[in-house]
Protein backbone atom coordinates (compact mmCIF):
# COMPACT_ATOMS: atom_id res chain seq x y z
CA MET A 1 -12.24 23.29 -9.35
CA VAL A 2 -13.53 26.56 -10.74
CA ALA A 3 -12.48 27.68 -14.19
CA ALA A 4 -10.88 31.03 -13.34
CA SER A 5 -11.39 32.78 -16.66
CA GLN A 6 -15.09 31.93 -16.86
CA ALA A 7 -15.75 32.61 -13.17
CA SER A 8 -14.06 36.02 -13.26
CA ALA A 9 -16.14 37.09 -16.26
CA ARG A 10 -19.36 35.83 -14.72
CA ASP A 11 -22.06 38.32 -13.72
CA TYR A 12 -23.07 37.89 -10.06
CA GLY A 13 -25.19 41.02 -9.91
CA PRO A 14 -28.91 41.25 -9.08
CA GLY A 15 -31.42 40.28 -11.74
CA VAL A 16 -29.07 37.85 -13.47
CA GLU A 17 -30.61 34.70 -14.89
CA PRO A 18 -30.11 31.79 -12.46
CA THR A 19 -27.45 29.25 -13.32
CA ARG A 20 -28.80 25.83 -14.23
CA TYR A 21 -27.43 22.68 -12.64
CA PRO A 22 -24.77 21.48 -12.97
CA ASP A 23 -22.78 24.70 -12.75
CA PRO A 24 -20.66 24.92 -15.93
CA ASP A 25 -17.83 26.71 -14.12
CA ILE A 26 -17.19 23.79 -11.73
CA LEU A 27 -14.78 21.53 -13.59
CA VAL A 28 -13.33 18.13 -12.73
CA LEU A 29 -9.75 17.79 -13.92
CA ASP A 30 -9.19 14.22 -12.72
CA GLU A 31 -12.28 11.99 -12.77
CA LYS A 32 -10.46 9.14 -11.01
CA ARG A 33 -9.40 11.21 -8.01
CA PHE A 34 -12.26 13.66 -7.73
CA LYS A 35 -15.59 11.89 -7.38
CA ALA A 36 -17.31 14.19 -4.90
CA LYS A 37 -18.71 16.75 -7.32
CA VAL A 38 -22.13 17.98 -6.20
CA GLY A 39 -24.43 18.37 -9.19
CA ASN A 40 -27.13 20.50 -7.58
CA THR A 41 -25.19 23.49 -6.31
CA THR A 42 -23.79 26.64 -7.90
CA ILE A 43 -21.04 29.14 -7.24
CA LYS A 44 -22.24 32.08 -5.17
CA ARG A 45 -20.35 35.31 -4.54
CA LEU A 46 -20.53 36.09 -0.84
CA TYR A 47 -18.55 39.33 -0.80
CA THR A 48 -16.52 41.69 -2.94
CA GLY A 49 -14.32 44.61 -1.89
CA CYS A 50 -11.11 43.02 -0.59
CA LEU A 51 -7.72 44.15 -1.83
CA TRP A 52 -6.32 40.63 -1.50
CA ALA A 53 -8.58 37.94 -0.01
CA GLU A 54 -6.74 34.96 1.52
CA GLY A 55 -7.05 32.21 4.09
CA PRO A 56 -10.78 31.28 4.24
CA ALA A 57 -11.57 29.09 7.26
CA TRP A 58 -14.95 27.69 8.27
CA ASN A 59 -16.04 27.50 11.91
CA ALA A 60 -18.49 24.60 12.13
CA GLN A 61 -19.71 25.41 15.63
CA GLY A 62 -20.39 29.08 14.98
CA GLN A 63 -21.44 28.55 11.36
CA TYR A 64 -19.30 31.39 10.07
CA LEU A 65 -16.46 31.95 7.62
CA VAL A 66 -13.31 33.93 8.45
CA TRP A 67 -10.82 35.21 5.89
CA SER A 68 -8.01 37.75 5.58
CA ASP A 69 -7.61 40.91 3.53
CA ILE A 70 -3.83 41.20 3.77
CA PRO A 71 -3.07 44.70 2.37
CA ALA A 72 -6.01 46.17 4.31
CA ASN A 73 -4.58 44.65 7.51
CA ARG A 74 -7.91 43.16 8.51
CA GLN A 75 -9.91 39.94 8.81
CA LEU A 76 -13.56 39.58 7.88
CA ARG A 77 -16.34 37.24 9.02
CA TYR A 78 -19.40 35.98 7.14
CA LEU A 79 -22.36 34.73 9.20
CA ASP A 80 -24.20 31.90 7.49
CA ASP A 81 -27.52 32.45 9.26
CA ASP A 82 -28.27 35.89 7.78
CA GLY A 83 -25.37 36.64 5.44
CA HIS A 84 -24.01 39.49 7.59
CA ILE A 85 -20.40 40.52 6.93
CA SER A 86 -18.22 41.86 9.74
CA GLU A 87 -15.72 43.88 7.72
CA GLN A 88 -13.38 44.51 10.65
CA PHE A 89 -13.64 41.26 12.55
CA HIS A 90 -9.96 41.60 13.46
CA LYS A 91 -8.23 44.90 12.73
CA PRO A 92 -5.34 45.36 12.76
CA SER A 93 -4.51 41.76 11.91
CA ASN A 94 -0.72 42.14 11.54
CA GLU A 95 -1.18 41.38 7.82
CA ALA A 96 -2.48 37.90 8.63
CA ASN A 97 -2.67 35.45 5.75
CA GLY A 98 -3.92 31.87 6.32
CA ASN A 99 -6.43 30.84 8.98
CA SER A 100 -7.75 27.64 10.51
CA PHE A 101 -9.52 26.40 13.63
CA ASP A 102 -8.22 23.88 16.13
CA PHE A 103 -10.36 21.13 17.61
CA GLU A 104 -11.44 23.40 20.46
CA GLY A 105 -12.86 25.95 18.03
CA ARG A 106 -10.07 28.49 18.48
CA GLN A 107 -8.93 30.46 15.46
CA ILE A 108 -5.32 30.01 14.35
CA SER A 109 -3.85 32.74 12.14
CA ALA A 110 -0.61 33.10 10.22
CA GLU A 111 0.37 36.70 10.83
CA ARG A 112 3.14 38.41 8.95
CA THR A 113 5.66 37.80 11.73
CA ARG A 114 4.25 34.96 13.81
CA LEU A 115 1.70 32.19 14.30
CA VAL A 116 -1.07 33.11 16.76
CA ARG A 117 -4.17 31.64 18.38
CA TYR A 118 -7.29 33.57 19.40
CA GLU A 119 -8.44 32.27 22.78
CA HIS A 120 -12.06 31.93 23.91
CA ASN A 121 -11.61 34.81 26.37
CA GLY A 122 -10.57 37.18 23.57
CA SER A 123 -6.84 37.17 24.25
CA VAL A 124 -4.25 36.35 21.60
CA THR A 125 -1.51 33.78 22.21
CA SER A 126 1.70 33.90 20.19
CA LEU A 127 2.50 30.29 19.30
CA ALA A 128 5.67 30.71 17.25
CA GLU A 129 7.85 33.68 16.30
CA GLN A 130 11.28 32.10 15.82
CA ALA A 131 12.89 28.94 14.47
CA ASN A 132 16.51 27.89 14.67
CA GLY A 133 17.24 31.01 16.73
CA LYS A 134 16.10 33.32 13.91
CA PRO A 135 12.82 35.12 13.18
CA LEU A 136 10.30 33.25 11.08
CA ASN A 137 10.19 34.46 7.49
CA GLY A 138 6.42 34.90 7.69
CA PRO A 139 3.92 32.05 8.25
CA ASN A 140 1.41 31.46 5.46
CA ASP A 141 -0.94 28.52 6.08
CA MET A 142 -1.54 25.87 8.73
CA VAL A 143 -3.44 22.70 9.64
CA VAL A 144 -4.11 21.05 13.00
CA HIS A 145 -3.69 17.31 13.57
CA PRO A 146 -6.54 15.75 15.59
CA ASN A 147 -4.46 13.12 17.41
CA ASP A 148 -1.86 15.24 19.19
CA LYS A 149 -3.29 18.71 18.40
CA SER A 150 0.01 19.67 16.76
CA ILE A 151 -0.04 22.56 14.28
CA TRP A 152 1.75 22.16 10.96
CA PHE A 153 2.47 25.40 9.09
CA THR A 154 4.40 26.82 6.15
CA ASP A 155 6.88 29.69 6.37
CA PRO A 156 7.60 31.23 2.93
CA GLY A 157 7.90 34.85 4.06
CA TYR A 158 5.85 36.71 1.46
CA GLY A 159 5.08 39.48 3.95
CA ALA A 160 8.80 40.24 4.21
CA ILE A 161 9.53 40.47 0.48
CA SER A 162 6.54 42.56 -0.61
CA ILE A 163 5.37 45.95 0.61
CA TYR A 164 1.87 45.10 -0.59
CA GLU A 165 1.63 42.16 1.83
CA GLY A 166 3.65 43.54 4.72
CA GLN A 167 7.03 45.15 5.30
CA LEU A 168 10.26 44.50 3.45
CA ALA A 169 12.98 42.73 5.38
CA LYS A 170 16.29 44.54 5.35
CA THR A 171 18.16 41.40 4.32
CA GLY A 172 17.51 42.01 0.61
CA SER A 173 16.95 38.30 -0.02
CA LEU A 174 14.04 36.16 -1.22
CA GLN A 175 14.78 34.16 1.91
CA PRO A 176 14.15 36.98 4.39
CA TYR A 177 15.72 35.44 7.49
CA GLN A 178 16.33 31.73 6.85
CA LYS A 179 15.59 28.87 4.47
CA GLU A 180 11.85 28.53 3.80
CA ALA A 181 10.41 25.46 5.50
CA VAL A 182 7.43 23.53 6.82
CA TYR A 183 7.22 23.27 10.61
CA ARG A 184 5.39 21.21 13.21
CA LEU A 185 4.48 22.86 16.51
CA ASP A 186 3.86 20.63 19.52
CA THR A 187 1.17 22.64 21.29
CA GLN A 188 1.68 20.70 24.52
CA SER A 189 5.40 21.39 24.94
CA GLY A 190 5.78 24.37 22.62
CA GLN A 191 8.58 22.60 20.76
CA LEU A 192 8.97 23.62 17.12
CA SER A 193 10.51 21.16 14.68
CA LYS A 194 11.26 21.40 10.97
CA VAL A 195 9.34 18.93 8.81
CA ALA A 196 10.79 19.77 5.40
CA ASP A 197 12.69 22.49 3.60
CA GLU A 198 12.69 21.14 0.03
CA PRO A 199 9.89 23.51 -1.12
CA PHE A 200 11.26 26.82 -2.35
CA LYS A 201 8.17 28.78 -1.29
CA PRO A 202 5.88 26.45 0.73
CA ASN A 203 2.39 27.91 0.65
CA GLY A 204 -0.84 25.93 1.13
CA ILE A 205 -0.84 22.87 3.39
CA ALA A 206 -3.45 20.15 3.98
CA PHE A 207 -3.72 16.69 5.53
CA SER A 208 -5.12 13.68 3.73
CA HIS A 209 -8.44 12.36 5.01
CA ASP A 210 -6.73 9.69 7.13
CA TYR A 211 -4.23 12.26 8.49
CA LYS A 212 -1.29 10.07 7.48
CA LYS A 213 0.00 12.38 4.77
CA VAL A 214 0.46 16.12 4.49
CA TYR A 215 0.38 17.96 1.17
CA VAL A 216 2.33 21.17 0.63
CA CYS A 217 1.96 23.55 -2.32
CA ASP A 218 5.16 25.10 -3.61
CA ASN A 219 4.55 27.98 -5.99
CA ARG A 220 8.09 28.51 -7.16
CA HIS A 221 10.38 26.40 -9.36
CA HIS A 222 12.99 24.40 -7.44
CA PRO A 223 14.96 21.18 -7.93
CA LEU A 224 13.64 18.42 -5.70
CA SER A 225 14.71 15.04 -4.44
CA GLN A 226 12.17 12.23 -4.37
CA ARG A 227 12.55 9.68 -1.60
CA GLN A 228 10.63 6.44 -1.76
CA GLU A 229 10.57 3.82 0.92
CA ARG A 230 9.64 0.29 -0.13
CA ASP A 231 10.06 -2.87 1.90
CA LEU A 232 11.96 -0.75 4.44
CA GLU A 233 14.68 -0.05 1.86
CA LEU A 234 15.42 3.56 1.05
CA ARG A 235 16.04 4.42 -2.57
CA SER A 236 16.87 7.96 -3.65
CA GLN A 237 16.75 9.61 -7.00
CA ARG A 238 17.08 13.18 -8.20
CA ARG A 239 14.85 14.87 -10.75
CA GLN A 240 14.39 18.43 -11.94
CA ILE A 241 10.87 19.84 -11.72
CA VAL A 242 10.45 22.21 -14.64
CA GLU A 243 6.98 23.46 -13.81
CA SER A 244 6.70 26.72 -11.91
CA GLU A 245 4.50 25.28 -9.17
CA THR A 246 4.50 21.89 -7.50
CA VAL A 247 2.72 19.91 -4.83
CA HIS A 248 4.74 17.88 -2.34
CA ARG A 249 3.38 14.95 -0.39
CA HIS A 250 5.00 13.95 2.90
CA ASP A 251 4.18 10.84 4.86
CA LEU A 252 3.96 11.85 8.49
CA GLU A 253 6.90 10.80 10.59
CA ARG A 254 6.47 7.35 12.02
CA GLN A 255 8.56 4.69 13.76
CA VAL A 256 9.95 2.05 11.39
CA ARG A 257 11.51 -1.03 12.96
CA LEU A 258 14.73 -2.02 11.25
CA PRO A 259 16.95 -4.99 12.18
CA GLY A 260 18.82 -4.22 15.38
CA ARG A 261 17.74 -0.59 15.74
CA HIS A 262 14.95 1.94 15.42
CA ALA A 263 14.93 4.65 12.83
CA ARG A 264 12.63 7.43 11.79
CA ARG A 265 11.96 7.80 8.11
CA ARG A 266 9.98 10.35 6.18
CA ARG A 267 8.67 9.82 2.69
CA ARG A 268 8.58 12.79 0.37
CA GLN A 269 7.18 12.83 -3.11
CA CYS A 270 6.57 15.52 -5.66
CA LEU A 271 3.08 15.18 -7.12
CA GLY A 272 3.60 17.59 -10.01
CA ARG A 273 2.42 20.99 -11.18
CA CYS A 274 -0.25 22.92 -9.33
CA GLY A 275 -1.23 26.54 -9.20
CA LEU A 276 -2.34 26.72 -5.64
CA GLY A 277 -1.95 28.86 -2.59
CA GLY A 278 -4.11 27.29 0.10
CA SER A 279 -5.05 23.64 0.05
CA TRP A 280 -7.92 21.55 1.34
CA LEU A 281 -8.71 17.86 0.98
């Protein structure tokens, strides 16, 4: 994790004295959980000039980085081989926010009004525009599961409640069109299903390394319910989360065999305060 105050005050200009290893602005907040700190690397500024930079996504095959500049209605690309920046990689971008790549190397973007995929032939496929018979609030971030190629994405709707990030919805509500939620898109059938709607403003989303859990950042205060499943017995309890930002962990839906019948259970747990938009594990 980068210490924001120190990093923002840091001089990245030419002629600056090199930073000695380890970089003092890379901090470990939890030594037990975070053991992958690299001691011989430093923070480098690749680009400056965005109005609001969001959604960085790395393409391993092409060795390039894509990210969004939401108010400028564009997406940029950084080439790792020579450091070239394409400042209008996609423009207009429909105020796209988060980005990712599926396991075929196709870019997935969360536009202000829909979830889209950039095909290899240059065309754009709209993957999701509605849920529950209503327009999506505004997708924010997404991840792709390797087993079934499903796309999991958040729908907080920031582009519909802020002129700076999009266009105001005429509903006059913080919930532009419907309750904010996390969705799963079956890319084979096109079926869209709701995973969770406990988060007030679900933002960043990431899978665990074994792809058995999904983590969702919620950057607004909201009362939550914590469901724990132990020995196939469901126990529920309510608790108020007083921090302004939380992280939710959801065990991916799985079949649980109960006596005499089958049932699907999901485990949801609040992991506590964060301060995150996007997530990556």
